[in-house]
Structure formats: structure tokens, C-alpha cells
Amino acid sequence: MPRISISKEEKIKEAVLQLLFQESPNSMFTYYIAQELARDEEYMKKILEELELKKFVYSVNKNPKGVQYSRRKRWGLTPNVHEAYKKISEEKAKLMAPFTELKEGQKY
């Protein structure tokens, strides 16, 4: 399999963080993240573990009833990263507001 460049890998990591932000506060299984981003599940697991080492994401090893998963993991954004993405999305919404509002009598 061809090696992925560092810049493309960084873009994939950004896409993972964006996807987790969109799904927050829910956490997602590795399988669903890989499926959404059209990537191999093992590769996604490697990316997510790298992000976990950098404290961008956290892993969940138990189901809501407290039973340990044998082979699965769910992933979510850490609170600090979630707040940073929330702030960025709010600023982006403010910047885009003048372009998304219709003026009186204006049609699409």
C-alpha cells in the first residue's frame, strides 16, 4: 500500500476531529469513523490512537451499562478540543451571517 504523505495524514486527522465534533456529545465506534471517511479501519485506529496520545480524543472501552468491550472502542473529543472547535464554528457562523441572510424582497 502506498505511503500517505504527512500533509494528507494531517488533513485526515482534521477530518476525524471535525466528524467527532459534529457527532458530539456522542462518541463513535472506530468502524463508523472509518466508514464515514472512507478509510481502512486499522488505519483509522492508528490515527485515533495518535490523536489520543496528543490528548485530542479519548477512548471509551465500556458500554453504557458498564460492561467492558472485548474488541471495540468508541471515541470522543476531549473537552478542551470540543471547546476550541465550538469557538471556531461560532466565529465562522458570525463571518458567514451577512452572506446567508436574505434581504427584503430578495429571492434565491
N, C-alpha and C. Protein backbone atom coordinates (compact mmCIF):
# COMPACT_ATOMS: atom_id res chain seq x y z
N MET A 1 0.85 -1.17 0.00
CA MET A 1 0.00 0.00 0.00
C MET A 1 0.90 1.24 0.00
N PRO A 2 0.57 2.25 -0.82
CA PRO A 2 1.41 3.45 -0.88
C PRO A 2 1.37 4.23 0.44
N ARG A 3 2.46 4.85 0.73
CA ARG A 3 2.60 5.66 1.94
C ARG A 3 1.84 6.97 1.77
N ILE A 4 1.13 7.38 2.82
CA ILE A 4 0.37 8.64 2.79
C ILE A 4 1.29 9.75 3.29
N SER A 5 1.28 10.87 2.59
CA SER A 5 2.15 11.98 2.98
C SER A 5 1.71 12.57 4.32
N ILE A 6 2.63 13.25 4.96
CA ILE A 6 2.35 13.85 6.27
C ILE A 6 1.24 14.88 6.18
N SER A 7 1.24 15.68 5.12
CA SER A 7 0.20 16.71 4.98
C SER A 7 -1.18 16.09 4.79
N LYS A 8 -1.26 14.99 4.03
CA LYS A 8 -2.55 14.33 3.85
C LYS A 8 -3.00 13.65 5.13
N GLU A 9 -2.05 13.11 5.87
CA GLU A 9 -2.39 12.49 7.14
C GLU A 9 -2.93 13.53 8.12
N GLU A 10 -2.35 14.73 8.11
CA GLU A 10 -2.84 15.81 8.96
C GLU A 10 -4.27 16.21 8.57
N LYS A 11 -4.55 16.23 7.28
CA LYS A 11 -5.91 16.54 6.82
C LYS A 11 -6.90 15.47 7.25
N ILE A 12 -6.46 14.21 7.23
CA ILE A 12 -7.32 13.12 7.69
C ILE A 12 -7.60 13.27 9.18
N LYS A 13 -6.59 13.64 9.95
CA LYS A 13 -6.78 13.86 11.39
C LYS A 13 -7.76 15.00 11.63
N GLU A 14 -7.65 16.06 10.85
CA GLU A 14 -8.60 17.18 10.97
C GLU A 14 -10.01 16.72 10.64
N ALA A 15 -10.15 15.87 9.62
CA ALA A 15 -11.47 15.36 9.25
C ALA A 15 -12.05 14.50 10.36
N VAL A 16 -11.21 13.72 11.02
CA VAL A 16 -11.66 12.90 12.15
C VAL A 16 -12.16 13.79 13.27
N LEU A 17 -11.39 14.82 13.61
CA LEU A 17 -11.80 15.73 14.68
C LEU A 17 -13.09 16.45 14.33
N GLN A 18 -13.24 16.87 13.08
CA GLN A 18 -14.46 17.55 12.64
C GLN A 18 -15.66 16.62 12.74
N LEU A 19 -15.49 15.37 12.32
CA LEU A 19 -16.58 14.39 12.40
C LEU A 19 -16.98 14.15 13.85
N LEU A 20 -16.01 13.99 14.73
CA LEU A 20 -16.32 13.78 16.14
C LEU A 20 -17.01 15.01 16.75
N PHE A 21 -16.63 16.20 16.29
CA PHE A 21 -17.28 17.42 16.78
C PHE A 21 -18.74 17.45 16.34
N GLN A 22 -19.00 17.07 15.09
CA GLN A 22 -20.37 17.07 14.58
C GLN A 22 -21.24 16.08 15.34
N GLU A 23 -20.66 14.98 15.79
CA GLU A 23 -21.42 13.95 16.49
C GLU A 23 -21.44 14.12 18.01
N SER A 24 -20.69 15.10 18.51
CA SER A 24 -20.61 15.27 19.97
C SER A 24 -21.97 15.72 20.51
N PRO A 25 -22.32 15.36 21.69
CA PRO A 25 -21.54 14.72 22.74
C PRO A 25 -21.45 13.20 22.61
N ASN A 26 -22.02 12.63 21.58
CA ASN A 26 -21.95 11.18 21.41
C ASN A 26 -20.55 10.76 20.97
N SER A 27 -20.15 9.58 21.39
CA SER A 27 -18.89 9.03 20.91
C SER A 27 -19.20 8.05 19.77
N MET A 28 -18.19 7.79 18.94
CA MET A 28 -18.39 6.95 17.76
C MET A 28 -17.42 5.77 17.78
N PHE A 29 -17.88 4.64 17.24
CA PHE A 29 -17.01 3.49 17.10
C PHE A 29 -16.02 3.72 15.96
N THR A 30 -14.87 3.07 16.06
CA THR A 30 -13.83 3.17 15.04
C THR A 30 -14.40 2.81 13.67
N TYR A 31 -15.24 1.78 13.63
CA TYR A 31 -15.83 1.32 12.38
C TYR A 31 -16.61 2.43 11.68
N TYR A 32 -17.42 3.15 12.43
CA TYR A 32 -18.25 4.21 11.84
C TYR A 32 -17.40 5.39 11.36
N ILE A 33 -16.36 5.71 12.10
CA ILE A 33 -15.46 6.79 11.68
C ILE A 33 -14.78 6.40 10.37
N ALA A 34 -14.29 5.17 10.31
CA ALA A 34 -13.63 4.68 9.09
C ALA A 34 -14.60 4.67 7.92
N GLN A 35 -15.84 4.27 8.17
CA GLN A 35 -16.85 4.22 7.11
C GLN A 35 -17.18 5.62 6.60
N GLU A 36 -17.34 6.58 7.50
CA GLU A 36 -17.68 7.95 7.11
C GLU A 36 -16.57 8.61 6.30
N LEU A 37 -15.32 8.29 6.63
CA LEU A 37 -14.19 8.93 5.96
C LEU A 37 -13.60 8.05 4.86
N ALA A 38 -14.25 6.94 4.57
CA ALA A 38 -13.83 6.02 3.50
C ALA A 38 -12.37 5.61 3.67
N ARG A 39 -12.04 5.15 4.86
CA ARG A 39 -10.68 4.70 5.16
C ARG A 39 -10.73 3.31 5.79
N ASP A 40 -9.58 2.66 5.78
CA ASP A 40 -9.43 1.34 6.38
C ASP A 40 -9.57 1.45 7.90
N GLU A 41 -10.22 0.47 8.50
CA GLU A 41 -10.48 0.51 9.93
C GLU A 41 -9.19 0.48 10.76
N GLU A 42 -8.23 -0.33 10.35
CA GLU A 42 -6.95 -0.39 11.07
C GLU A 42 -6.19 0.93 10.98
N TYR A 43 -6.24 1.56 9.82
CA TYR A 43 -5.58 2.85 9.64
C TYR A 43 -6.25 3.90 10.53
N MET A 44 -7.58 3.88 10.59
CA MET A 44 -8.31 4.83 11.44
C MET A 44 -7.95 4.61 12.90
N LYS A 45 -7.82 3.36 13.30
CA LYS A 45 -7.46 3.06 14.69
C LYS A 45 -6.09 3.66 15.01
N LYS A 46 -5.15 3.54 14.08
CA LYS A 46 -3.80 4.11 14.26
C LYS A 46 -3.89 5.63 14.41
N ILE A 47 -4.67 6.27 13.53
CA ILE A 47 -4.83 7.73 13.57
C ILE A 47 -5.47 8.15 14.91
N LEU A 48 -6.51 7.45 15.32
CA LEU A 48 -7.19 7.78 16.57
C LEU A 48 -6.28 7.60 17.78
N GLU A 49 -5.46 6.56 17.76
CA GLU A 49 -4.53 6.36 18.87
C GLU A 49 -3.47 7.46 18.92
N GLU A 50 -3.04 7.94 17.75
CA GLU A 50 -2.11 9.08 17.72
C GLU A 50 -2.77 10.33 18.29
N LEU A 51 -4.04 10.55 17.93
CA LEU A 51 -4.77 11.71 18.46
C LEU A 51 -4.99 11.57 19.97
N GLU A 52 -5.17 10.34 20.43
CA GLU A 52 -5.35 10.11 21.87
C GLU A 52 -4.06 10.44 22.63
N LEU A 53 -2.91 10.10 22.05
CA LEU A 53 -1.63 10.43 22.69
C LEU A 53 -1.43 11.94 22.80
N LYS A 54 -1.98 12.69 21.83
CA LYS A 54 -1.87 14.15 21.85
C LYS A 54 -2.98 14.80 22.68
N LYS A 55 -3.83 13.96 23.28
CA LYS A 55 -4.94 14.42 24.14
C LYS A 55 -6.02 15.19 23.37
N PHE A 56 -6.21 14.85 22.09
CA PHE A 56 -7.29 15.45 21.31
C PHE A 56 -8.58 14.64 21.43
N VAL A 57 -8.46 13.33 21.56
CA VAL A 57 -9.62 12.45 21.69
C VAL A 57 -9.42 11.54 22.89
N TYR A 58 -10.52 10.93 23.32
CA TYR A 58 -10.45 9.93 24.38
C TYR A 58 -11.14 8.67 23.88
N SER A 59 -10.76 7.54 24.43
CA SER A 59 -11.39 6.28 24.04
C SER A 59 -12.30 5.80 25.17
N VAL A 60 -13.36 5.13 24.77
CA VAL A 60 -14.31 4.55 25.72
C VAL A 60 -14.27 3.04 25.52
N ASN A 61 -13.95 2.31 26.58
CA ASN A 61 -13.81 0.86 26.48
C ASN A 61 -14.97 0.10 27.09
N LYS A 62 -15.98 0.83 27.58
CA LYS A 62 -17.13 0.17 28.20
C LYS A 62 -18.41 0.66 27.56
N ASN A 63 -19.42 -0.20 27.56
CA ASN A 63 -20.72 0.21 27.03
C ASN A 63 -21.46 1.02 28.10
N PRO A 64 -22.62 1.60 27.75
CA PRO A 64 -23.34 2.43 28.73
C PRO A 64 -23.74 1.69 30.02
N LYS A 65 -23.80 0.36 29.96
CA LYS A 65 -24.14 -0.42 31.15
C LYS A 65 -22.91 -0.76 31.99
N GLY A 66 -21.72 -0.35 31.52
CA GLY A 66 -20.50 -0.59 32.27
C GLY A 66 -19.77 -1.87 31.93
N VAL A 67 -20.24 -2.59 30.92
CA VAL A 67 -19.60 -3.84 30.51
C VAL A 67 -18.44 -3.52 29.57
N GLN A 68 -17.29 -4.12 29.85
CA GLN A 68 -16.08 -3.89 29.05
C GLN A 68 -16.27 -4.45 27.64
N TYR A 69 -15.90 -3.63 26.62
CA TYR A 69 -15.89 -4.11 25.25
C TYR A 69 -14.72 -5.07 25.08
N SER A 70 -14.93 -6.16 24.34
CA SER A 70 -13.83 -7.10 24.14
C SER A 70 -12.94 -6.69 22.97
N ARG A 71 -13.52 -6.12 21.90
CA ARG A 71 -12.71 -5.79 20.73
C ARG A 71 -13.03 -4.43 20.12
N ARG A 72 -13.86 -3.65 20.75
CA ARG A 72 -14.29 -2.39 20.16
C ARG A 72 -13.87 -1.21 21.02
N LYS A 73 -13.86 -0.05 20.40
CA LYS A 73 -13.61 1.20 21.12
C LYS A 73 -14.51 2.27 20.52
N ARG A 74 -14.96 3.14 21.41
CA ARG A 74 -15.66 4.34 20.95
C ARG A 74 -14.73 5.51 21.21
N TRP A 75 -14.91 6.56 20.43
CA TRP A 75 -14.03 7.72 20.51
C TRP A 75 -14.84 8.99 20.62
N GLY A 76 -14.34 9.94 21.40
CA GLY A 76 -14.97 11.24 21.53
C GLY A 76 -13.92 12.32 21.68
N LEU A 77 -14.34 13.57 21.54
CA LEU A 77 -13.42 14.71 21.69
C LEU A 77 -13.22 15.02 23.17
N THR A 78 -12.00 15.39 23.52
CA THR A 78 -11.76 15.85 24.89
C THR A 78 -12.44 17.22 25.06
N PRO A 79 -12.79 17.59 26.28
CA PRO A 79 -13.49 18.87 26.49
C PRO A 79 -12.74 20.09 25.94
N ASN A 80 -11.42 20.12 26.07
CA ASN A 80 -10.65 21.27 25.57
C ASN A 80 -10.76 21.40 24.06
N VAL A 81 -10.65 20.28 23.36
CA VAL A 81 -10.73 20.30 21.90
C VAL A 81 -12.15 20.64 21.46
N HIS A 82 -13.14 20.12 22.19
CA HIS A 82 -14.53 20.43 21.85
C HIS A 82 -14.79 21.93 21.97
N GLU A 83 -14.29 22.54 23.04
CA GLU A 83 -14.47 23.99 23.22
C GLU A 83 -13.78 24.78 22.12
N ALA A 84 -12.60 24.34 21.71
CA ALA A 84 -11.88 25.03 20.64
C ALA A 84 -12.66 24.95 19.33
N TYR A 85 -13.19 23.77 19.00
CA TYR A 85 -13.98 23.62 17.78
C TYR A 85 -15.28 24.42 17.86
N LYS A 86 -15.87 24.46 19.05
CA LYS A 86 -17.11 25.23 19.23
C LYS A 86 -16.85 26.71 18.99
N LYS A 87 -15.76 27.22 19.52
CA LYS A 87 -15.40 28.63 19.33
C LYS A 87 -15.15 28.92 17.85
N ILE A 88 -14.43 28.04 17.17
CA ILE A 88 -14.15 28.22 15.74
C ILE A 88 -15.44 28.22 14.94
N SER A 89 -16.36 27.30 15.25
CA SER A 89 -17.60 27.22 14.48
C SER A 89 -18.49 28.44 14.73
N GLU A 90 -18.47 28.98 15.96
CA GLU A 90 -19.24 30.19 16.25
C GLU A 90 -18.68 31.39 15.50
N GLU A 91 -17.34 31.51 15.45
CA GLU A 91 -16.71 32.61 14.73
C GLU A 91 -16.99 32.50 13.23
N LYS A 92 -16.96 31.29 12.72
CA LYS A 92 -17.25 31.07 11.30
C LYS A 92 -18.70 31.45 10.98
N ALA A 93 -19.61 31.11 11.88
CA ALA A 93 -21.02 31.45 11.68
C ALA A 93 -21.21 32.96 11.66
N LYS A 94 -20.50 33.68 12.53
CA LYS A 94 -20.60 35.15 12.54
C LYS A 94 -20.08 35.75 11.24
N LEU A 95 -18.99 35.20 10.73
CA LEU A 95 -18.42 35.70 9.48
C LEU A 95 -19.34 35.44 8.29
N MET A 96 -20.04 34.32 8.31
CA MET A 96 -20.89 33.93 7.19
C MET A 96 -22.29 34.54 7.27
N ALA A 97 -22.68 35.08 8.41
CA ALA A 97 -24.04 35.60 8.61
C ALA A 97 -24.45 36.62 7.55
N PRO A 98 -23.64 37.59 7.18
CA PRO A 98 -24.08 38.56 6.17
C PRO A 98 -24.36 37.93 4.81
N PHE A 99 -23.73 36.82 4.53
CA PHE A 99 -23.91 36.18 3.23
C PHE A 99 -25.08 35.21 3.20
N THR A 100 -25.55 34.81 4.37
CA THR A 100 -26.63 33.83 4.41
C THR A 100 -28.00 34.45 4.66
N GLU A 101 -28.04 35.69 5.11
CA GLU A 101 -29.32 36.34 5.36
C GLU A 101 -29.88 36.92 4.06
N LEU A 102 -31.18 36.74 3.88
CA LEU A 102 -31.85 37.31 2.71
C LEU A 102 -32.28 38.74 3.01
N LYS A 103 -32.07 39.60 2.08
CA LYS A 103 -32.55 40.97 2.23
C LYS A 103 -34.01 41.02 1.81
N GLU A 104 -34.71 42.06 2.23
CA GLU A 104 -36.13 42.19 1.94
C GLU A 104 -36.36 42.15 0.43
N GLY A 105 -37.23 41.26 0.00
CA GLY A 105 -37.57 41.15 -1.41
C GLY A 105 -36.59 40.32 -2.22
N GLN A 106 -35.52 39.85 -1.59
CA GLN A 106 -34.51 39.07 -2.32
C GLN A 106 -34.94 37.61 -2.38
N LYS A 107 -34.70 36.99 -3.52
CA LYS A 107 -35.02 35.57 -3.70
C LYS A 107 -33.74 34.82 -4.01
N TYR A 108 -33.81 33.52 -3.81
CA TYR A 108 -32.65 32.67 -4.14
C TYR A 108 -32.46 32.59 -5.62
